[in-house]
Amino acid sequence: MPDALHRQVCFSLYTASRAATAVYRPLLEELGLTYPQYLVLMVLWEEDGRSVRELGQALELDSGTLSPLLKRLEAAGLLRRTRSAMDERRVEVYLTGNGRALQEKALPLPQRVAEAAGLEPEELRTLQQTLAKVTRALRDAAH
C-alpha cells in the first residue's frame, strides 16, 4: 500500500469503520438484521415511540435513507409506524413485541465487537471521545 494513503486520517477512519462493520455482519445475520437496521432498533430500544424525524436526527440519516429501513423492519414485524393522533403529519415508530425481544439477543454484540478490537475498556472510551471530537470538528469545518 502506498505510504501516502496510510498517512491519511480519513483512510484510517474508513478502513476502521469497514472492519468494525465486517465483525458485526455475521453477528447481525444471526438476528436477521443489517447494521443500519440494528442502529434503528438501538435508538428505539433506548426510547420507543420516536418520530421518524427524531430517528433521522439521532441516526444522522435523511428520510430517503431512513424510510426504506423502516419499511423493511416493519415488514419483518419488528416495528410499526403510526400517524400521531395529535399531528397527522407526524409519523411515530414503535417496537413490536418481536422488536423488543430482539434486544435481549443483541445485548452481547457490542462487547463481542469490543473484544474483537483488542482494546481495553479505557482505550475504547478514549477512542470514542477522540472520534466524537474529530466528528464535531469536521462537521464544523464543512459548514
N, C-alpha and C. Protein backbone atom coordinates (compact mmCIF):
# COMPACT_ATOMS: atom_id res chain seq x y z
N MET A 1 0.84 -1.18 0.00
CA MET A 1 0.00 0.00 0.00
C MET A 1 0.89 1.25 0.00
N PRO A 2 0.46 2.25 -0.70
CA PRO A 2 1.22 3.50 -0.74
C PRO A 2 1.27 4.16 0.64
N ASP A 3 2.42 4.67 1.01
CA ASP A 3 2.57 5.34 2.31
C ASP A 3 1.66 6.54 2.43
N ALA A 4 1.50 7.30 1.34
CA ALA A 4 0.66 8.50 1.39
C ALA A 4 -0.76 8.14 1.80
N LEU A 5 -1.27 7.03 1.32
CA LEU A 5 -2.61 6.60 1.65
C LEU A 5 -2.73 6.30 3.14
N HIS A 6 -1.76 5.63 3.70
CA HIS A 6 -1.80 5.25 5.11
C HIS A 6 -1.55 6.42 6.05
N ARG A 7 -1.09 7.52 5.54
CA ARG A 7 -0.92 8.71 6.38
C ARG A 7 -2.19 9.55 6.44
N GLN A 8 -3.19 9.19 5.66
CA GLN A 8 -4.44 9.93 5.62
C GLN A 8 -5.36 9.48 6.76
N VAL A 9 -5.75 10.42 7.61
CA VAL A 9 -6.67 10.10 8.70
C VAL A 9 -7.98 9.56 8.15
N CYS A 10 -8.46 10.16 7.06
CA CYS A 10 -9.74 9.72 6.50
C CYS A 10 -9.68 8.26 6.06
N PHE A 11 -8.55 7.82 5.56
CA PHE A 11 -8.43 6.42 5.14
C PHE A 11 -8.45 5.50 6.36
N SER A 12 -7.79 5.91 7.42
CA SER A 12 -7.81 5.11 8.65
C SER A 12 -9.22 5.00 9.22
N LEU A 13 -9.97 6.10 9.20
CA LEU A 13 -11.35 6.08 9.68
C LEU A 13 -12.21 5.17 8.79
N TYR A 14 -12.02 5.27 7.52
CA TYR A 14 -12.77 4.47 6.55
C TYR A 14 -12.52 2.98 6.75
N THR A 15 -11.25 2.59 6.85
CA THR A 15 -10.92 1.17 6.98
C THR A 15 -11.34 0.62 8.35
N ALA A 16 -11.24 1.44 9.40
CA ALA A 16 -11.69 1.00 10.72
C ALA A 16 -13.20 0.78 10.72
N SER A 17 -13.93 1.67 10.09
CA SER A 17 -15.39 1.53 10.00
C SER A 17 -15.77 0.26 9.25
N ARG A 18 -15.12 0.02 8.14
CA ARG A 18 -15.40 -1.19 7.36
C ARG A 18 -15.06 -2.45 8.15
N ALA A 19 -13.95 -2.43 8.88
CA ALA A 19 -13.55 -3.59 9.67
C ALA A 19 -14.55 -3.86 10.79
N ALA A 20 -15.02 -2.81 11.45
CA ALA A 20 -16.00 -2.98 12.53
C ALA A 20 -17.30 -3.54 11.97
N THR A 21 -17.73 -3.01 10.84
CA THR A 21 -18.96 -3.49 10.22
C THR A 21 -18.82 -4.95 9.80
N ALA A 22 -17.64 -5.33 9.36
CA ALA A 22 -17.40 -6.73 8.96
C ALA A 22 -17.52 -7.67 10.15
N VAL A 23 -17.13 -7.22 11.33
CA VAL A 23 -17.26 -8.05 12.54
C VAL A 23 -18.74 -8.13 12.93
N TYR A 24 -19.44 -7.01 12.82
CA TYR A 24 -20.87 -7.01 13.16
C TYR A 24 -21.70 -7.87 12.22
N ARG A 25 -21.33 -7.89 10.93
CA ARG A 25 -22.17 -8.52 9.90
C ARG A 25 -22.62 -9.94 10.26
N PRO A 26 -21.72 -10.88 10.56
CA PRO A 26 -22.21 -12.24 10.86
C PRO A 26 -23.00 -12.31 12.16
N LEU A 27 -22.67 -11.47 13.11
CA LEU A 27 -23.42 -11.45 14.36
C LEU A 27 -24.85 -10.98 14.12
N LEU A 28 -24.99 -9.97 13.27
CA LEU A 28 -26.31 -9.43 12.96
C LEU A 28 -27.10 -10.34 12.03
N GLU A 29 -26.40 -11.06 11.16
CA GLU A 29 -27.09 -12.00 10.28
C GLU A 29 -27.84 -13.05 11.10
N GLU A 30 -27.26 -13.44 12.24
CA GLU A 30 -27.94 -14.40 13.12
C GLU A 30 -29.27 -13.84 13.63
N LEU A 31 -29.37 -12.51 13.69
CA LEU A 31 -30.59 -11.86 14.15
C LEU A 31 -31.48 -11.42 12.99
N GLY A 32 -31.01 -11.64 11.77
CA GLY A 32 -31.77 -11.23 10.59
C GLY A 32 -31.74 -9.75 10.33
N LEU A 33 -30.67 -9.09 10.75
CA LEU A 33 -30.57 -7.64 10.63
C LEU A 33 -29.35 -7.21 9.84
N THR A 34 -29.46 -6.04 9.23
CA THR A 34 -28.30 -5.36 8.68
C THR A 34 -27.81 -4.37 9.73
N TYR A 35 -26.61 -3.84 9.53
CA TYR A 35 -26.09 -2.88 10.51
C TYR A 35 -26.98 -1.63 10.62
N PRO A 36 -27.42 -1.02 9.51
CA PRO A 36 -28.31 0.14 9.65
C PRO A 36 -29.62 -0.20 10.36
N GLN A 37 -30.17 -1.38 10.13
CA GLN A 37 -31.39 -1.78 10.83
C GLN A 37 -31.13 -1.92 12.33
N TYR A 38 -29.99 -2.47 12.67
CA TYR A 38 -29.59 -2.61 14.08
C TYR A 38 -29.52 -1.23 14.74
N LEU A 39 -28.97 -0.25 14.03
CA LEU A 39 -28.86 1.10 14.59
C LEU A 39 -30.24 1.69 14.87
N VAL A 40 -31.18 1.49 13.95
CA VAL A 40 -32.55 1.97 14.17
C VAL A 40 -33.13 1.34 15.42
N LEU A 41 -32.98 0.03 15.55
CA LEU A 41 -33.51 -0.66 16.72
C LEU A 41 -32.84 -0.19 18.00
N MET A 42 -31.54 0.06 17.95
CA MET A 42 -30.84 0.54 19.16
C MET A 42 -31.45 1.85 19.66
N VAL A 43 -31.77 2.75 18.74
CA VAL A 43 -32.38 4.03 19.12
C VAL A 43 -33.75 3.78 19.76
N LEU A 44 -34.52 2.88 19.17
CA LEU A 44 -35.85 2.59 19.72
C LEU A 44 -35.78 1.80 21.02
N TRP A 45 -34.79 0.96 21.19
CA TRP A 45 -34.64 0.25 22.47
C TRP A 45 -34.35 1.24 23.59
N GLU A 46 -33.67 2.31 23.25
CA GLU A 46 -33.37 3.33 24.25
C GLU A 46 -34.62 4.16 24.58
N GLU A 47 -35.38 4.50 23.53
CA GLU A 47 -36.61 5.27 23.73
C GLU A 47 -37.60 4.92 22.62
N ASP A 48 -38.58 4.13 22.96
CA ASP A 48 -39.59 3.70 21.99
C ASP A 48 -40.54 4.86 21.70
N GLY A 49 -41.17 4.81 20.54
CA GLY A 49 -42.17 5.81 20.21
C GLY A 49 -41.61 7.11 19.69
N ARG A 50 -40.49 7.05 19.01
CA ARG A 50 -39.90 8.26 18.43
C ARG A 50 -40.53 8.55 17.07
N SER A 51 -40.51 9.81 16.70
CA SER A 51 -41.00 10.17 15.38
C SER A 51 -39.93 9.81 14.34
N VAL A 52 -40.36 9.70 13.09
CA VAL A 52 -39.42 9.42 12.02
C VAL A 52 -38.36 10.52 11.98
N ARG A 53 -38.80 11.74 12.19
CA ARG A 53 -37.86 12.88 12.19
C ARG A 53 -36.81 12.73 13.30
N GLU A 54 -37.26 12.37 14.49
CA GLU A 54 -36.34 12.18 15.61
C GLU A 54 -35.36 11.05 15.33
N LEU A 55 -35.85 9.97 14.75
CA LEU A 55 -34.97 8.86 14.38
C LEU A 55 -33.91 9.33 13.39
N GLY A 56 -34.34 10.07 12.39
CA GLY A 56 -33.41 10.59 11.39
C GLY A 56 -32.33 11.46 12.01
N GLN A 57 -32.74 12.30 12.95
CA GLN A 57 -31.76 13.16 13.63
C GLN A 57 -30.80 12.34 14.48
N ALA A 58 -31.32 11.38 15.21
CA ALA A 58 -30.48 10.55 16.08
C ALA A 58 -29.46 9.75 15.27
N LEU A 59 -29.89 9.26 14.12
CA LEU A 59 -29.04 8.41 13.29
C LEU A 59 -28.27 9.18 12.22
N GLU A 60 -28.59 10.46 12.11
CA GLU A 60 -27.98 11.32 11.10
C GLU A 60 -28.24 10.77 9.70
N LEU A 61 -29.51 10.39 9.46
CA LEU A 61 -29.94 9.87 8.17
C LEU A 61 -31.06 10.74 7.62
N ASP A 62 -31.07 10.92 6.30
CA ASP A 62 -32.18 11.64 5.69
C ASP A 62 -33.35 10.69 5.48
N SER A 63 -34.52 11.25 5.20
CA SER A 63 -35.71 10.42 5.09
C SER A 63 -35.63 9.45 3.92
N GLY A 64 -34.92 9.81 2.86
CA GLY A 64 -34.76 8.91 1.72
C GLY A 64 -34.00 7.65 2.06
N THR A 65 -33.13 7.73 3.05
CA THR A 65 -32.38 6.56 3.51
C THR A 65 -33.14 5.83 4.62
N LEU A 66 -33.76 6.60 5.51
CA LEU A 66 -34.42 6.03 6.67
C LEU A 66 -35.73 5.31 6.32
N SER A 67 -36.52 5.88 5.43
CA SER A 67 -37.83 5.29 5.10
C SER A 67 -37.74 3.84 4.63
N PRO A 68 -36.83 3.50 3.70
CA PRO A 68 -36.74 2.08 3.30
C PRO A 68 -36.31 1.17 4.46
N LEU A 69 -35.45 1.67 5.34
CA LEU A 69 -35.05 0.88 6.52
C LEU A 69 -36.27 0.57 7.38
N LEU A 70 -37.07 1.60 7.63
CA LEU A 70 -38.25 1.42 8.47
C LEU A 70 -39.25 0.48 7.82
N LYS A 71 -39.42 0.59 6.50
CA LYS A 71 -40.35 -0.30 5.79
C LYS A 71 -39.91 -1.76 5.93
N ARG A 72 -38.62 -2.01 5.78
CA ARG A 72 -38.13 -3.40 5.89
C ARG A 72 -38.29 -3.92 7.32
N LEU A 73 -38.00 -3.07 8.31
CA LEU A 73 -38.17 -3.50 9.70
C LEU A 73 -39.64 -3.73 10.04
N GLU A 74 -40.51 -2.94 9.46
CA GLU A 74 -41.95 -3.13 9.67
C GLU A 74 -42.42 -4.42 9.00
N ALA A 75 -41.94 -4.67 7.78
CA ALA A 75 -42.30 -5.91 7.08
C ALA A 75 -41.80 -7.14 7.82
N ALA A 76 -40.68 -6.99 8.54
CA ALA A 76 -40.13 -8.10 9.33
C ALA A 76 -40.86 -8.26 10.67
N GLY A 77 -41.80 -7.37 10.96
CA GLY A 77 -42.58 -7.47 12.19
C GLY A 77 -41.86 -6.96 13.42
N LEU A 78 -40.85 -6.10 13.24
CA LEU A 78 -40.07 -5.62 14.39
C LEU A 78 -40.51 -4.24 14.87
N LEU A 79 -41.21 -3.51 14.03
CA LEU A 79 -41.71 -2.20 14.44
C LEU A 79 -42.98 -1.89 13.67
N ARG A 80 -43.67 -0.84 14.13
CA ARG A 80 -44.86 -0.36 13.42
C ARG A 80 -44.81 1.16 13.38
N ARG A 81 -45.31 1.69 12.29
CA ARG A 81 -45.38 3.14 12.13
C ARG A 81 -46.84 3.57 12.20
N THR A 82 -47.09 4.63 12.94
CA THR A 82 -48.46 5.14 13.05
C THR A 82 -48.43 6.66 12.98
N ARG A 83 -49.52 7.22 12.47
CA ARG A 83 -49.69 8.67 12.45
C ARG A 83 -50.03 9.14 13.86
N SER A 84 -49.47 10.24 14.26
CA SER A 84 -49.75 10.80 15.57
C SER A 84 -51.20 11.26 15.64
N ALA A 85 -51.85 10.98 16.76
CA ALA A 85 -53.22 11.45 16.97
C ALA A 85 -53.24 12.97 17.14
N MET A 86 -52.14 13.53 17.63
CA MET A 86 -52.05 14.98 17.88
C MET A 86 -51.71 15.76 16.61
N ASP A 87 -50.94 15.14 15.70
CA ASP A 87 -50.49 15.82 14.49
C ASP A 87 -50.34 14.78 13.38
N GLU A 88 -51.27 14.77 12.44
CA GLU A 88 -51.26 13.75 11.39
C GLU A 88 -50.01 13.76 10.54
N ARG A 89 -49.30 14.88 10.52
CA ARG A 89 -48.07 14.96 9.72
C ARG A 89 -46.94 14.18 10.37
N ARG A 90 -47.05 13.93 11.65
CA ARG A 90 -46.01 13.24 12.41
C ARG A 90 -46.24 11.73 12.39
N VAL A 91 -45.22 11.00 11.96
CA VAL A 91 -45.29 9.53 11.96
C VAL A 91 -44.42 9.05 13.11
N GLU A 92 -45.01 8.25 13.98
CA GLU A 92 -44.30 7.73 15.14
C GLU A 92 -43.97 6.26 14.92
N VAL A 93 -42.84 5.86 15.45
CA VAL A 93 -42.34 4.50 15.25
C VAL A 93 -42.27 3.80 16.60
N TYR A 94 -42.88 2.62 16.67
CA TYR A 94 -42.93 1.84 17.91
C TYR A 94 -42.41 0.42 17.65
N LEU A 95 -41.74 -0.12 18.62
CA LEU A 95 -41.31 -1.52 18.56
C LEU A 95 -42.51 -2.43 18.74
N THR A 96 -42.47 -3.57 18.08
CA THR A 96 -43.45 -4.62 18.35
C THR A 96 -42.87 -5.51 19.45
N GLY A 97 -43.63 -6.49 19.88
CA GLY A 97 -43.10 -7.44 20.86
C GLY A 97 -41.85 -8.13 20.34
N ASN A 98 -41.86 -8.50 19.06
CA ASN A 98 -40.68 -9.14 18.47
C ASN A 98 -39.49 -8.19 18.43
N GLY A 99 -39.75 -6.93 18.16
CA GLY A 99 -38.67 -5.95 18.15
C GLY A 99 -38.06 -5.76 19.53
N ARG A 100 -38.91 -5.74 20.54
CA ARG A 100 -38.41 -5.63 21.92
C ARG A 100 -37.63 -6.87 22.32
N ALA A 101 -38.14 -8.04 21.93
CA ALA A 101 -37.50 -9.31 22.29
C ALA A 101 -36.11 -9.44 21.67
N LEU A 102 -35.91 -8.82 20.53
CA LEU A 102 -34.63 -8.91 19.85
C LEU A 102 -33.52 -8.20 20.63
N GLN A 103 -33.91 -7.25 21.46
CA GLN A 103 -32.91 -6.51 22.25
C GLN A 103 -32.09 -7.45 23.12
N GLU A 104 -32.76 -8.41 23.73
CA GLU A 104 -32.07 -9.37 24.61
C GLU A 104 -31.00 -10.13 23.83
N LYS A 105 -31.33 -10.54 22.63
CA LYS A 105 -30.38 -11.29 21.81
C LYS A 105 -29.23 -10.42 21.33
N ALA A 106 -29.48 -9.13 21.20
CA ALA A 106 -28.46 -8.20 20.69
C ALA A 106 -27.55 -7.65 21.78
N LEU A 107 -27.91 -7.83 23.04
CA LEU A 107 -27.13 -7.25 24.14
C LEU A 107 -25.63 -7.58 24.11
N PRO A 108 -25.23 -8.81 23.79
CA PRO A 108 -23.80 -9.11 23.82
C PRO A 108 -23.00 -8.59 22.62
N LEU A 109 -23.66 -8.08 21.59
CA LEU A 109 -22.94 -7.70 20.38
C LEU A 109 -21.86 -6.64 20.60
N PRO A 110 -22.15 -5.52 21.26
CA PRO A 110 -21.09 -4.52 21.43
C PRO A 110 -19.85 -5.07 22.16
N GLN A 111 -20.08 -5.90 23.16
CA GLN A 111 -18.96 -6.48 23.89
C GLN A 111 -18.14 -7.40 23.00
N ARG A 112 -18.82 -8.17 22.18
CA ARG A 112 -18.11 -9.09 21.27
C ARG A 112 -17.27 -8.31 20.26
N VAL A 113 -17.80 -7.20 19.76
CA VAL A 113 -17.04 -6.37 18.82
C VAL A 113 -15.88 -5.69 19.54
N ALA A 114 -16.10 -5.22 20.75
CA ALA A 114 -15.03 -4.60 21.53
C ALA A 114 -13.90 -5.59 21.78
N GLU A 115 -14.26 -6.82 22.11
CA GLU A 115 -13.24 -7.85 22.32
C GLU A 115 -12.47 -8.11 21.03
N ALA A 116 -13.18 -8.14 19.91
CA ALA A 116 -12.52 -8.36 18.62
C ALA A 116 -11.55 -7.23 18.30
N ALA A 117 -11.85 -6.02 18.78
CA ALA A 117 -10.98 -4.86 18.53
C ALA A 117 -9.68 -4.96 19.33
N GLY A 118 -9.68 -5.77 20.38
CA GLY A 118 -8.46 -5.96 21.16
C GLY A 118 -8.05 -4.76 22.00
N LEU A 119 -9.03 -3.93 22.35
CA LEU A 119 -8.74 -2.75 23.17
C LEU A 119 -9.32 -2.92 24.57
N GLU A 120 -8.62 -2.36 25.52
CA GLU A 120 -9.11 -2.35 26.90
C GLU A 120 -10.26 -1.36 26.99
N PRO A 121 -11.15 -1.51 28.00
CA PRO A 121 -12.28 -0.58 28.13
C PRO A 121 -11.87 0.89 28.13
N GLU A 122 -10.80 1.22 28.81
CA GLU A 122 -10.36 2.63 28.85
C GLU A 122 -9.89 3.09 27.47
N GLU A 123 -9.24 2.21 26.74
CA GLU A 123 -8.81 2.56 25.38
C GLU A 123 -10.03 2.79 24.48
N LEU A 124 -11.06 1.98 24.64
CA LEU A 124 -12.28 2.17 23.86
C LEU A 124 -12.95 3.50 24.18
N ARG A 125 -13.01 3.85 25.47
CA ARG A 125 -13.60 5.13 25.87
C ARG A 125 -12.82 6.29 25.27
N THR A 126 -11.50 6.21 25.32
CA THR A 126 -10.66 7.26 24.75
C THR A 126 -10.87 7.36 23.25
N LEU A 127 -10.96 6.22 22.59
CA LEU A 127 -11.19 6.21 21.15
C LEU A 127 -12.53 6.85 20.82
N GLN A 128 -13.58 6.51 21.56
CA GLN A 128 -14.90 7.09 21.31
C GLN A 128 -14.87 8.61 21.51
N GLN A 129 -14.19 9.07 22.55
CA GLN A 129 -14.09 10.50 22.80
C GLN A 129 -13.32 11.20 21.68
N THR A 130 -12.25 10.58 21.22
CA THR A 130 -11.46 11.16 20.14
C THR A 130 -12.27 11.21 18.85
N LEU A 131 -12.98 10.14 18.55
CA LEU A 131 -13.80 10.12 17.34
C LEU A 131 -14.92 11.16 17.40
N ALA A 132 -15.52 11.33 18.57
CA ALA A 132 -16.55 12.36 18.72
C ALA A 132 -15.97 13.75 18.49
N LYS A 133 -14.77 13.98 18.99
CA LYS A 133 -14.10 15.27 18.80
C LYS A 133 -13.79 15.51 17.32
N VAL A 134 -13.28 14.48 16.65
CA VAL A 134 -12.98 14.58 15.21
C VAL A 134 -14.26 14.86 14.43
N THR A 135 -15.33 14.15 14.76
CA THR A 135 -16.60 14.32 14.07
C THR A 135 -17.11 15.75 14.22
N ARG A 136 -17.09 16.29 15.43
CA ARG A 136 -17.54 17.65 15.65
C ARG A 136 -16.70 18.65 14.85
N ALA A 137 -15.40 18.47 14.89
CA ALA A 137 -14.51 19.40 14.18
C ALA A 137 -14.73 19.34 12.68
N LEU A 138 -14.88 18.14 12.14
CA LEU A 138 -15.08 18.01 10.70
C LEU A 138 -16.43 18.55 10.28
N ARG A 139 -17.46 18.38 11.10
CA ARG A 139 -18.77 18.97 10.80
C ARG A 139 -18.67 20.49 10.77
N ASP A 140 -17.99 21.02 11.77
CA ASP A 140 -17.85 22.48 11.84
C ASP A 140 -17.08 22.98 10.60
N ALA A 141 -16.06 22.27 10.20
CA ALA A 141 -15.25 22.68 9.05
C ALA A 141 -16.04 22.60 7.75
N ALA A 142 -17.02 21.69 7.69
CA ALA A 142 -17.81 21.52 6.48
C ALA A 142 -18.89 22.58 6.35
N HIS A 143 -19.18 23.28 7.42
CA HIS A 143 -20.27 24.30 7.38
C HIS A 143 -19.75 25.67 7.47
